[in-house]
């Protein structure tokens, strides 16, 4: 289980974004986190991944305190909204994926072999987001935080991405925290949906 227990976090002293946030994600479960911009959704996701360290409280992954994780890929991987910003534009897609897994390996169901020799700007935004998700999954995480990963995609591309992503994560038993302002989307893809303003 991924658990945030009484988590507090502030970007500036005296102005906490998270005030005792608590939530859980079971292995293989998809939990939606919905709320308006500025309510702390992204911050909570980054704390859940260990990118931000809470001022108080704990993030626990399968019984182990995430703050004590040392070496190797993080057990909770983050995939953000803008895949272009997360990749080296001088690397081909195969090199991008090789950061997390065997060189030249594609993620079945998400990445096509024909993309591996292309540069990020040579494939579409939807295809590049699939590469970003595949790279995170190649690190063999136990949990994935997907932060507005389909917000910029058209409805058909969005539906195809979620169909394939859910198939891969369910097959592997990877839990997901899906961060979005899109309540109808979360109702479709999640096992349950939390209100970020109440959680944070």
N, C-alpha and C. Protein backbone atom coordinates (compact mmCIF):
# COMPACT_ATOMS: atom_id res chain seq x y z
N UNK A 1 0.84 -1.20 0.00
CA UNK A 1 0.00 0.00 0.00
C UNK A 1 0.88 1.26 0.00
N UNK A 2 0.47 2.25 -0.80
CA UNK A 2 1.06 3.58 -0.74
C UNK A 2 0.20 4.40 0.21
N UNK A 3 0.83 4.98 1.23
CA UNK A 3 0.07 5.71 2.25
C UNK A 3 0.73 7.05 2.56
N UNK A 4 -0.06 8.11 2.51
CA UNK A 4 0.35 9.41 3.02
C UNK A 4 -0.35 9.61 4.35
N UNK A 5 0.44 9.80 5.40
CA UNK A 5 -0.09 9.85 6.75
C UNK A 5 0.22 11.20 7.39
N UNK A 6 -0.80 12.05 7.53
CA UNK A 6 -0.68 13.36 8.19
C UNK A 6 0.47 14.18 7.61
N UNK A 7 0.46 14.32 6.28
CA UNK A 7 1.56 14.98 5.57
C UNK A 7 1.33 16.49 5.49
N UNK A 8 2.35 17.23 5.91
CA UNK A 8 2.38 18.68 5.80
C UNK A 8 3.53 19.08 4.89
N UNK A 9 3.25 20.09 4.03
CA UNK A 9 4.31 20.57 3.15
C UNK A 9 4.03 22.02 2.78
N UNK A 10 5.11 22.84 2.76
CA UNK A 10 4.99 24.25 2.37
C UNK A 10 6.12 24.61 1.41
N UNK A 11 5.80 25.32 0.35
CA UNK A 11 6.84 25.85 -0.54
C UNK A 11 7.50 27.06 0.10
N UNK A 12 6.73 27.80 0.92
CA UNK A 12 7.25 28.97 1.64
C UNK A 12 6.93 28.80 3.12
N UNK A 13 7.86 29.17 4.00
CA UNK A 13 7.60 29.02 5.44
C UNK A 13 6.31 29.72 5.86
N UNK A 14 5.54 29.03 6.65
CA UNK A 14 4.32 29.61 7.19
C UNK A 14 3.12 29.58 6.26
N UNK A 15 3.28 28.99 5.07
CA UNK A 15 2.19 28.95 4.10
C UNK A 15 2.03 27.53 3.56
N UNK A 16 1.54 26.61 4.39
CA UNK A 16 1.48 25.21 3.96
C UNK A 16 0.48 24.97 2.83
N UNK A 17 0.91 24.17 1.86
CA UNK A 17 0.03 23.73 0.77
C UNK A 17 -0.73 22.48 1.20
N UNK A 18 -0.04 21.61 1.89
CA UNK A 18 -0.66 20.40 2.43
C UNK A 18 -0.74 20.52 3.94
N UNK A 19 -1.93 20.27 4.48
CA UNK A 19 -2.15 20.42 5.93
C UNK A 19 -2.73 19.12 6.48
N UNK A 20 -1.85 18.18 6.76
CA UNK A 20 -2.30 16.91 7.31
C UNK A 20 -2.94 15.99 6.28
N UNK A 21 -2.40 15.98 5.07
CA UNK A 21 -2.97 15.16 3.99
C UNK A 21 -2.85 13.68 4.31
N UNK A 22 -3.92 12.95 4.05
CA UNK A 22 -3.94 11.50 4.26
C UNK A 22 -4.63 10.84 3.07
N UNK A 23 -4.02 9.79 2.53
CA UNK A 23 -4.68 8.97 1.52
C UNK A 23 -3.96 7.64 1.42
N UNK A 24 -4.62 6.67 0.79
CA UNK A 24 -4.00 5.37 0.54
C UNK A 24 -4.31 4.93 -0.88
N UNK A 25 -3.37 4.16 -1.45
CA UNK A 25 -3.55 3.51 -2.75
C UNK A 25 -3.10 2.07 -2.59
N UNK A 26 -3.99 1.13 -2.83
CA UNK A 26 -3.63 -0.29 -2.73
C UNK A 26 -2.93 -0.75 -4.00
N UNK A 27 -2.15 -1.84 -3.93
CA UNK A 27 -1.56 -2.40 -5.15
C UNK A 27 -2.63 -2.71 -6.18
N UNK A 28 -2.42 -2.26 -7.41
CA UNK A 28 -3.37 -2.50 -8.49
C UNK A 28 -4.58 -1.59 -8.49
N UNK A 29 -4.71 -0.73 -7.50
CA UNK A 29 -5.86 0.17 -7.42
C UNK A 29 -5.58 1.47 -8.16
N UNK A 30 -6.61 2.05 -8.75
CA UNK A 30 -6.52 3.36 -9.40
C UNK A 30 -7.34 4.34 -8.58
N UNK A 31 -6.65 5.31 -7.98
CA UNK A 31 -7.31 6.31 -7.16
C UNK A 31 -7.22 7.66 -7.86
N UNK A 32 -8.34 8.29 -8.10
CA UNK A 32 -8.36 9.61 -8.72
C UNK A 32 -8.28 10.70 -7.66
N UNK A 33 -7.60 11.78 -8.00
CA UNK A 33 -7.49 12.94 -7.12
C UNK A 33 -7.92 14.15 -7.93
N UNK A 34 -9.09 14.70 -7.61
CA UNK A 34 -9.67 15.76 -8.42
C UNK A 34 -9.70 17.06 -7.63
N UNK A 35 -9.57 18.18 -8.35
CA UNK A 35 -9.65 19.47 -7.71
C UNK A 35 -9.22 20.57 -8.65
N UNK A 36 -9.53 21.83 -8.33
CA UNK A 36 -9.16 22.95 -9.19
C UNK A 36 -7.67 23.24 -9.12
N UNK A 37 -7.20 24.04 -10.07
CA UNK A 37 -5.80 24.47 -10.07
C UNK A 37 -5.46 25.19 -8.77
N UNK A 38 -4.29 24.90 -8.23
CA UNK A 38 -3.82 25.59 -7.04
C UNK A 38 -4.25 24.98 -5.73
N UNK A 39 -4.94 23.83 -5.78
CA UNK A 39 -5.43 23.24 -4.53
C UNK A 39 -4.44 22.27 -3.90
N UNK A 40 -3.28 22.04 -4.55
CA UNK A 40 -2.25 21.18 -3.96
C UNK A 40 -2.15 19.79 -4.56
N UNK A 41 -2.89 19.52 -5.65
CA UNK A 41 -2.87 18.18 -6.26
C UNK A 41 -1.47 17.77 -6.70
N UNK A 42 -0.82 18.64 -7.48
CA UNK A 42 0.51 18.31 -8.01
C UNK A 42 1.52 18.20 -6.89
N UNK A 43 1.44 19.10 -5.91
CA UNK A 43 2.36 19.04 -4.77
C UNK A 43 2.20 17.72 -4.03
N UNK A 44 0.97 17.30 -3.83
CA UNK A 44 0.72 16.03 -3.15
C UNK A 44 1.33 14.87 -3.94
N UNK A 45 1.17 14.90 -5.25
CA UNK A 45 1.76 13.86 -6.09
C UNK A 45 3.26 13.83 -6.00
N UNK A 46 3.90 14.98 -5.96
CA UNK A 46 5.36 15.04 -5.87
C UNK A 46 5.85 14.60 -4.50
N UNK A 47 5.07 14.85 -3.46
CA UNK A 47 5.42 14.33 -2.14
C UNK A 47 5.28 12.81 -2.13
N UNK A 48 4.23 12.30 -2.76
CA UNK A 48 4.01 10.85 -2.81
C UNK A 48 5.14 10.12 -3.52
N UNK A 49 5.81 10.81 -4.45
CA UNK A 49 6.92 10.20 -5.20
C UNK A 49 8.26 10.38 -4.50
N UNK A 50 8.31 11.20 -3.45
CA UNK A 50 9.58 11.46 -2.79
C UNK A 50 10.36 12.61 -3.39
N UNK A 51 9.78 13.32 -4.35
CA UNK A 51 10.47 14.48 -4.94
C UNK A 51 10.49 15.63 -3.93
N UNK A 52 9.37 15.85 -3.25
CA UNK A 52 9.32 16.79 -2.12
C UNK A 52 9.27 15.98 -0.82
N UNK A 53 10.01 16.43 0.17
CA UNK A 53 9.98 15.76 1.47
C UNK A 53 9.04 16.51 2.41
N UNK A 54 8.10 15.82 3.04
CA UNK A 54 7.15 16.53 3.92
C UNK A 54 7.83 17.11 5.15
N UNK A 55 7.29 18.25 5.62
CA UNK A 55 7.79 18.85 6.85
C UNK A 55 7.37 18.03 8.06
N UNK A 56 6.18 17.44 7.94
CA UNK A 56 5.64 16.55 8.98
C UNK A 56 4.91 15.41 8.30
N UNK A 57 4.76 14.30 9.02
CA UNK A 57 4.06 13.16 8.47
C UNK A 57 4.98 12.25 7.69
N UNK A 58 4.39 11.18 7.13
CA UNK A 58 5.19 10.17 6.44
C UNK A 58 4.53 9.72 5.14
N UNK A 59 5.38 9.30 4.21
CA UNK A 59 4.94 8.57 3.03
C UNK A 59 5.47 7.15 3.18
N UNK A 60 4.56 6.19 3.18
CA UNK A 60 4.93 4.79 3.42
C UNK A 60 4.58 3.97 2.19
N UNK A 61 5.55 3.17 1.71
CA UNK A 61 5.35 2.33 0.54
C UNK A 61 5.52 0.88 0.94
N UNK A 62 4.42 0.14 0.92
CA UNK A 62 4.43 -1.27 1.29
C UNK A 62 5.13 -1.50 2.62
N UNK A 63 4.82 -0.65 3.59
CA UNK A 63 5.33 -0.79 4.94
C UNK A 63 6.66 -0.11 5.22
N UNK A 64 7.32 0.43 4.20
CA UNK A 64 8.63 1.07 4.37
C UNK A 64 8.52 2.58 4.18
N UNK A 65 9.17 3.33 5.05
CA UNK A 65 9.16 4.79 4.96
C UNK A 65 9.90 5.22 3.70
N UNK A 66 9.24 5.96 2.81
CA UNK A 66 9.85 6.37 1.54
C UNK A 66 11.09 7.24 1.78
N UNK A 67 11.11 7.99 2.87
CA UNK A 67 12.25 8.86 3.16
C UNK A 67 13.54 8.06 3.37
N UNK A 68 13.42 6.77 3.68
CA UNK A 68 14.60 5.94 3.91
C UNK A 68 15.05 5.18 2.67
N UNK A 69 14.34 5.39 1.55
CA UNK A 69 14.72 4.70 0.31
C UNK A 69 16.06 5.23 -0.17
N UNK A 70 16.97 4.33 -0.48
CA UNK A 70 18.30 4.72 -0.95
C UNK A 70 18.67 3.89 -2.18
N UNK A 71 19.13 4.57 -3.22
CA UNK A 71 19.64 3.88 -4.40
C UNK A 71 18.56 3.25 -5.27
N UNK A 72 18.85 3.17 -6.55
CA UNK A 72 17.92 2.55 -7.48
C UNK A 72 16.73 3.42 -7.80
N UNK A 73 15.89 2.96 -8.72
CA UNK A 73 14.69 3.73 -9.10
C UNK A 73 13.73 3.88 -7.92
N UNK A 74 13.03 4.99 -7.89
CA UNK A 74 12.03 5.20 -6.84
C UNK A 74 10.88 4.19 -6.99
N UNK A 75 10.38 3.67 -5.88
CA UNK A 75 9.26 2.74 -5.97
C UNK A 75 7.95 3.41 -6.39
N UNK A 76 7.92 4.75 -6.31
CA UNK A 76 6.77 5.52 -6.79
C UNK A 76 7.29 6.46 -7.87
N UNK A 77 6.81 6.28 -9.09
CA UNK A 77 7.29 7.07 -10.22
C UNK A 77 6.25 8.12 -10.62
N UNK A 78 6.74 9.30 -10.98
CA UNK A 78 5.88 10.40 -11.41
C UNK A 78 5.93 10.56 -12.93
N UNK A 79 4.75 10.72 -13.54
CA UNK A 79 4.67 11.12 -14.95
C UNK A 79 3.87 12.41 -14.99
N UNK A 80 4.50 13.47 -15.49
CA UNK A 80 3.89 14.81 -15.48
C UNK A 80 3.17 15.10 -16.80
N UNK A 81 2.52 16.26 -16.85
CA UNK A 81 1.69 16.63 -17.99
C UNK A 81 2.47 16.84 -19.27
N UNK A 82 3.64 17.46 -19.19
CA UNK A 82 4.40 17.85 -20.38
C UNK A 82 5.54 16.86 -20.63
N UNK A 83 5.38 15.91 -21.54
CA UNK A 83 6.45 14.93 -21.77
C UNK A 83 7.68 15.54 -22.43
N UNK A 84 7.50 16.60 -23.22
CA UNK A 84 8.66 17.23 -23.87
C UNK A 84 9.64 17.78 -22.83
N UNK A 85 9.10 18.34 -21.76
CA UNK A 85 9.96 18.92 -20.73
C UNK A 85 10.72 17.87 -19.94
N UNK A 86 10.27 16.62 -20.00
CA UNK A 86 10.87 15.56 -19.20
C UNK A 86 11.92 14.76 -19.96
N UNK A 87 12.20 15.13 -21.19
CA UNK A 87 13.12 14.34 -22.02
C UNK A 87 14.21 15.20 -22.63
N UNK A 88 15.34 14.56 -22.87
CA UNK A 88 16.45 15.22 -23.56
C UNK A 88 16.12 15.27 -25.05
N UNK A 89 15.95 16.46 -25.63
CA UNK A 89 15.55 16.53 -27.04
C UNK A 89 16.60 16.00 -28.01
N UNK A 90 17.84 15.82 -27.51
CA UNK A 90 18.92 15.31 -28.37
C UNK A 90 18.99 13.79 -28.37
N UNK A 91 18.19 13.16 -27.54
CA UNK A 91 18.18 11.69 -27.46
C UNK A 91 17.05 11.13 -28.31
N UNK A 92 17.32 10.01 -28.94
CA UNK A 92 16.26 9.28 -29.62
C UNK A 92 15.40 8.57 -28.56
N UNK A 93 14.19 8.19 -28.96
CA UNK A 93 13.26 7.56 -28.02
C UNK A 93 13.87 6.32 -27.39
N UNK A 94 14.61 5.54 -28.16
CA UNK A 94 15.25 4.36 -27.60
C UNK A 94 16.22 4.70 -26.48
N UNK A 95 16.95 5.80 -26.62
CA UNK A 95 17.86 6.22 -25.56
C UNK A 95 17.10 6.70 -24.33
N UNK A 96 15.98 7.40 -24.56
CA UNK A 96 15.14 7.85 -23.45
C UNK A 96 14.68 6.66 -22.61
N UNK A 97 14.21 5.61 -23.29
CA UNK A 97 13.73 4.42 -22.59
C UNK A 97 14.87 3.66 -21.92
N UNK A 98 16.06 3.73 -22.51
CA UNK A 98 17.21 3.01 -21.95
C UNK A 98 17.64 3.56 -20.60
N UNK A 99 17.20 4.79 -20.26
CA UNK A 99 17.47 5.32 -18.92
C UNK A 99 16.89 4.42 -17.84
N UNK A 100 15.78 3.78 -18.16
CA UNK A 100 15.04 3.02 -17.14
C UNK A 100 15.06 1.51 -17.37
N UNK A 101 15.37 1.07 -18.59
CA UNK A 101 15.32 -0.36 -18.88
C UNK A 101 16.37 -0.74 -19.91
N UNK A 102 16.35 -1.98 -20.36
CA UNK A 102 17.35 -2.46 -21.32
C UNK A 102 17.34 -1.62 -22.60
N UNK A 103 18.53 -1.31 -23.17
CA UNK A 103 18.59 -0.49 -24.39
C UNK A 103 17.75 -1.10 -25.51
N UNK A 104 16.98 -0.22 -26.16
CA UNK A 104 16.19 -0.64 -27.31
C UNK A 104 14.88 -1.33 -26.97
N UNK A 105 14.59 -1.50 -25.68
CA UNK A 105 13.36 -2.20 -25.31
C UNK A 105 12.17 -1.24 -25.36
N UNK A 106 11.10 -1.68 -25.94
CA UNK A 106 9.86 -0.91 -25.95
C UNK A 106 8.90 -1.53 -24.94
N UNK A 107 7.95 -0.73 -24.49
CA UNK A 107 6.95 -1.22 -23.54
C UNK A 107 5.73 -1.72 -24.30
N UNK A 108 5.48 -3.04 -24.28
CA UNK A 108 4.34 -3.57 -25.04
C UNK A 108 3.04 -2.87 -24.67
N UNK A 109 2.27 -2.51 -25.68
CA UNK A 109 0.99 -1.86 -25.44
C UNK A 109 1.06 -0.35 -25.35
N UNK A 110 2.25 0.21 -25.16
CA UNK A 110 2.37 1.66 -25.04
C UNK A 110 3.25 2.27 -26.13
N UNK A 111 4.36 1.62 -26.46
CA UNK A 111 5.33 2.19 -27.38
C UNK A 111 5.52 1.28 -28.59
N UNK A 112 5.51 1.86 -29.77
CA UNK A 112 5.74 1.09 -30.99
C UNK A 112 7.24 1.06 -31.31
N UNK A 113 7.69 -0.06 -31.83
CA UNK A 113 9.10 -0.23 -32.16
C UNK A 113 9.57 0.85 -33.14
N UNK A 114 8.68 1.28 -34.03
CA UNK A 114 9.06 2.25 -35.05
C UNK A 114 9.42 3.61 -34.48
N UNK A 115 9.04 3.89 -33.20
CA UNK A 115 9.35 5.18 -32.60
C UNK A 115 10.77 5.24 -32.05
N UNK A 116 11.41 4.10 -31.84
CA UNK A 116 12.65 4.05 -31.06
C UNK A 116 13.79 4.84 -31.69
N UNK A 117 13.82 4.93 -33.02
CA UNK A 117 14.91 5.65 -33.70
C UNK A 117 14.58 7.11 -33.95
N UNK A 118 13.44 7.58 -33.47
CA UNK A 118 13.03 8.97 -33.69
C UNK A 118 13.40 9.84 -32.51
N UNK A 119 13.50 11.14 -32.78
CA UNK A 119 13.71 12.12 -31.71
C UNK A 119 12.35 12.55 -31.16
N UNK A 120 12.30 13.07 -29.93
CA UNK A 120 11.01 13.45 -29.34
C UNK A 120 10.16 14.36 -30.22
N UNK A 121 10.78 15.31 -30.93
CA UNK A 121 9.99 16.23 -31.74
C UNK A 121 9.43 15.56 -33.00
N UNK A 122 9.86 14.34 -33.29
CA UNK A 122 9.43 13.66 -34.50
C UNK A 122 8.20 12.77 -34.29
N UNK A 123 7.70 12.72 -33.07
CA UNK A 123 6.46 11.98 -32.83
C UNK A 123 5.44 12.92 -32.18
N UNK A 124 4.19 12.52 -32.15
CA UNK A 124 3.13 13.40 -31.65
C UNK A 124 3.18 13.51 -30.13
N UNK A 125 2.42 14.47 -29.61
CA UNK A 125 2.36 14.65 -28.16
C UNK A 125 1.78 13.43 -27.45
N UNK A 126 0.75 12.82 -28.05
CA UNK A 126 0.17 11.62 -27.46
C UNK A 126 1.14 10.46 -27.46
N UNK A 127 1.89 10.30 -28.56
CA UNK A 127 2.90 9.25 -28.64
C UNK A 127 4.02 9.49 -27.64
N UNK A 128 4.41 10.75 -27.49
CA UNK A 128 5.49 11.07 -26.56
C UNK A 128 5.05 10.85 -25.11
N UNK A 129 3.78 11.11 -24.80
CA UNK A 129 3.30 10.83 -23.46
C UNK A 129 3.32 9.32 -23.18
N UNK A 130 3.07 8.52 -24.19
CA UNK A 130 3.17 7.08 -24.03
C UNK A 130 4.62 6.68 -23.73
N UNK A 131 5.56 7.34 -24.38
CA UNK A 131 6.98 7.07 -24.11
C UNK A 131 7.30 7.42 -22.66
N UNK A 132 6.79 8.55 -22.20
CA UNK A 132 7.03 8.99 -20.83
C UNK A 132 6.47 7.98 -19.83
N UNK A 133 5.26 7.48 -20.09
CA UNK A 133 4.66 6.47 -19.22
C UNK A 133 5.43 5.16 -19.28
N UNK A 134 5.85 4.78 -20.48
CA UNK A 134 6.62 3.54 -20.63
C UNK A 134 7.94 3.62 -19.88
N UNK A 135 8.59 4.78 -19.94
CA UNK A 135 9.86 4.94 -19.22
C UNK A 135 9.65 4.77 -17.72
N UNK A 136 8.58 5.34 -17.20
CA UNK A 136 8.29 5.19 -15.77
C UNK A 136 8.04 3.73 -15.41
N UNK A 137 7.31 3.01 -16.26
CA UNK A 137 6.99 1.61 -15.98
C UNK A 137 8.21 0.70 -16.14
N UNK A 138 9.15 1.07 -17.02
CA UNK A 138 10.37 0.28 -17.17
C UNK A 138 11.23 0.30 -15.91
N UNK A 139 11.00 1.29 -15.04
CA UNK A 139 11.72 1.35 -13.77
C UNK A 139 11.11 0.40 -12.73
N UNK A 140 10.10 -0.37 -13.14
CA UNK A 140 9.43 -1.36 -12.28
C UNK A 140 8.91 -0.76 -10.98
N UNK A 141 8.14 0.33 -11.07
CA UNK A 141 7.59 0.92 -9.84
C UNK A 141 6.48 0.06 -9.26
N UNK A 142 6.23 0.23 -7.98
CA UNK A 142 5.07 -0.42 -7.37
C UNK A 142 3.85 0.49 -7.48
N UNK A 143 4.12 1.80 -7.62
CA UNK A 143 3.03 2.78 -7.74
C UNK A 143 3.43 3.84 -8.75
N UNK A 144 2.42 4.42 -9.39
CA UNK A 144 2.63 5.44 -10.40
C UNK A 144 1.74 6.63 -10.08
N UNK A 145 2.31 7.84 -10.15
CA UNK A 145 1.52 9.06 -10.02
C UNK A 145 1.43 9.67 -11.42
N UNK A 146 0.21 9.73 -11.96
CA UNK A 146 -0.02 10.27 -13.29
C UNK A 146 -0.69 11.63 -13.13
N UNK A 147 0.09 12.70 -13.39
CA UNK A 147 -0.37 14.07 -13.13
C UNK A 147 -0.81 14.74 -14.42
N UNK A 148 -2.12 14.78 -14.66
CA UNK A 148 -2.70 15.42 -15.85
C UNK A 148 -2.05 14.88 -17.14
N UNK A 149 -1.81 13.57 -17.20
CA UNK A 149 -1.04 13.01 -18.32
C UNK A 149 -1.78 13.06 -19.65
N UNK A 150 -3.11 13.22 -19.63
CA UNK A 150 -3.83 13.27 -20.90
C UNK A 150 -4.55 14.59 -21.12
N UNK A 151 -4.24 15.59 -20.31
CA UNK A 151 -4.97 16.86 -20.36
C UNK A 151 -4.86 17.57 -21.71
N UNK A 152 -3.73 17.41 -22.39
CA UNK A 152 -3.52 18.14 -23.64
C UNK A 152 -3.90 17.33 -24.88
N UNK A 153 -4.48 16.13 -24.69
CA UNK A 153 -4.76 15.25 -25.81
C UNK A 153 -6.22 15.37 -26.25
N UNK A 154 -6.46 15.07 -27.52
CA UNK A 154 -7.84 15.05 -28.02
C UNK A 154 -8.56 13.83 -27.44
N UNK A 155 -9.90 13.83 -27.44
CA UNK A 155 -10.64 12.76 -26.77
C UNK A 155 -10.30 11.34 -27.24
N UNK A 156 -10.11 11.13 -28.55
CA UNK A 156 -9.82 9.79 -29.05
C UNK A 156 -8.44 9.32 -28.60
N UNK A 157 -7.45 10.22 -28.68
CA UNK A 157 -6.10 9.88 -28.24
C UNK A 157 -6.08 9.62 -26.74
N UNK A 158 -6.82 10.43 -26.00
CA UNK A 158 -6.92 10.28 -24.55
C UNK A 158 -7.51 8.92 -24.19
N UNK A 159 -8.59 8.54 -24.84
CA UNK A 159 -9.24 7.26 -24.55
C UNK A 159 -8.31 6.09 -24.85
N UNK A 160 -7.59 6.15 -25.97
CA UNK A 160 -6.68 5.07 -26.33
C UNK A 160 -5.53 4.96 -25.34
N UNK A 161 -5.00 6.10 -24.92
CA UNK A 161 -3.90 6.08 -23.94
C UNK A 161 -4.34 5.43 -22.64
N UNK A 162 -5.51 5.83 -22.13
CA UNK A 162 -5.97 5.27 -20.86
C UNK A 162 -6.30 3.79 -20.98
N UNK A 163 -6.87 3.38 -22.08
CA UNK A 163 -7.16 1.96 -22.28
C UNK A 163 -5.88 1.13 -22.18
N UNK A 164 -4.83 1.58 -22.86
CA UNK A 164 -3.59 0.81 -22.89
C UNK A 164 -2.82 0.92 -21.57
N UNK A 165 -2.83 2.10 -20.95
CA UNK A 165 -2.14 2.27 -19.68
C UNK A 165 -2.79 1.42 -18.59
N UNK A 166 -4.11 1.43 -18.52
CA UNK A 166 -4.80 0.64 -17.51
C UNK A 166 -4.57 -0.85 -17.72
N UNK A 167 -4.50 -1.29 -18.97
CA UNK A 167 -4.24 -2.70 -19.24
C UNK A 167 -2.87 -3.12 -18.71
N UNK A 168 -1.85 -2.28 -18.95
CA UNK A 168 -0.49 -2.61 -18.49
C UNK A 168 -0.40 -2.60 -16.97
N UNK A 169 -0.94 -1.56 -16.34
CA UNK A 169 -0.81 -1.46 -14.88
C UNK A 169 -1.63 -2.53 -14.17
N UNK A 170 -2.79 -2.90 -14.70
CA UNK A 170 -3.58 -3.96 -14.07
C UNK A 170 -2.88 -5.30 -14.19
N UNK A 171 -2.27 -5.54 -15.34
CA UNK A 171 -1.54 -6.80 -15.53
C UNK A 171 -0.40 -6.94 -14.52
N UNK A 172 0.23 -5.83 -14.19
CA UNK A 172 1.39 -5.86 -13.29
C UNK A 172 1.04 -5.59 -11.83
N UNK A 173 -0.20 -5.21 -11.56
CA UNK A 173 -0.58 -4.90 -10.19
C UNK A 173 0.01 -3.60 -9.68
N UNK A 174 0.25 -2.65 -10.60
CA UNK A 174 0.80 -1.34 -10.22
C UNK A 174 -0.35 -0.44 -9.76
N UNK A 175 -0.24 0.11 -8.55
CA UNK A 175 -1.23 1.07 -8.08
C UNK A 175 -1.00 2.42 -8.73
N UNK A 176 -2.07 3.18 -8.96
CA UNK A 176 -1.94 4.49 -9.58
C UNK A 176 -2.71 5.55 -8.82
N UNK A 177 -2.07 6.71 -8.65
CA UNK A 177 -2.73 7.92 -8.19
C UNK A 177 -2.84 8.82 -9.40
N UNK A 178 -4.07 9.07 -9.85
CA UNK A 178 -4.30 9.85 -11.07
C UNK A 178 -4.77 11.24 -10.68
N UNK A 179 -3.94 12.23 -10.96
CA UNK A 179 -4.21 13.62 -10.59
C UNK A 179 -4.83 14.34 -11.79
N UNK A 180 -5.99 14.97 -11.59
CA UNK A 180 -6.64 15.65 -12.70
C UNK A 180 -7.68 16.63 -12.19
N UNK A 181 -7.98 17.63 -13.04
CA UNK A 181 -9.12 18.51 -12.77
C UNK A 181 -10.37 18.00 -13.47
N UNK A 182 -10.22 16.92 -14.26
CA UNK A 182 -11.28 16.40 -15.12
C UNK A 182 -12.06 15.30 -14.38
N UNK A 183 -13.13 15.70 -13.70
CA UNK A 183 -13.91 14.74 -12.90
C UNK A 183 -14.53 13.62 -13.75
N UNK A 184 -15.10 13.90 -14.93
CA UNK A 184 -15.66 12.80 -15.74
C UNK A 184 -14.61 11.77 -16.14
N UNK A 185 -13.40 12.23 -16.49
CA UNK A 185 -12.32 11.29 -16.82
C UNK A 185 -12.01 10.39 -15.63
N UNK A 186 -11.86 11.00 -14.45
CA UNK A 186 -11.52 10.21 -13.27
C UNK A 186 -12.62 9.21 -12.93
N UNK A 187 -13.85 9.59 -13.16
CA UNK A 187 -14.96 8.67 -12.90
C UNK A 187 -14.87 7.44 -13.80
N UNK A 188 -14.32 7.63 -15.00
CA UNK A 188 -14.19 6.52 -15.96
C UNK A 188 -13.02 5.61 -15.63
N UNK A 189 -11.88 6.17 -15.23
CA UNK A 189 -10.65 5.37 -15.12
C UNK A 189 -10.33 4.92 -13.70
N UNK A 190 -10.97 5.50 -12.69
CA UNK A 190 -10.59 5.25 -11.30
C UNK A 190 -11.51 4.26 -10.61
N UNK A 191 -10.95 3.55 -9.64
CA UNK A 191 -11.75 2.70 -8.75
C UNK A 191 -12.49 3.56 -7.73
N UNK A 192 -11.87 4.66 -7.31
CA UNK A 192 -12.52 5.63 -6.43
C UNK A 192 -11.86 6.98 -6.64
N UNK A 193 -12.57 8.05 -6.31
CA UNK A 193 -12.10 9.41 -6.56
C UNK A 193 -12.14 10.19 -5.24
N UNK A 194 -11.03 10.90 -4.96
CA UNK A 194 -10.91 11.73 -3.77
C UNK A 194 -10.92 13.20 -4.15
N UNK A 195 -11.50 14.03 -3.29
CA UNK A 195 -11.50 15.48 -3.47
C UNK A 195 -10.20 16.02 -2.89
N UNK A 196 -9.35 16.60 -3.75
CA UNK A 196 -8.04 17.07 -3.30
C UNK A 196 -8.15 18.13 -2.21
N UNK A 197 -9.18 18.97 -2.27
CA UNK A 197 -9.32 20.03 -1.27
C UNK A 197 -9.63 19.46 0.11
N UNK A 198 -10.26 18.30 0.17
CA UNK A 198 -10.50 17.66 1.44
C UNK A 198 -9.30 16.85 1.91
N UNK A 199 -8.60 16.22 0.96
CA UNK A 199 -7.42 15.42 1.31
C UNK A 199 -6.30 16.30 1.84
N UNK A 200 -6.06 17.43 1.13
CA UNK A 200 -4.92 18.29 1.45
C UNK A 200 -5.21 19.18 2.65
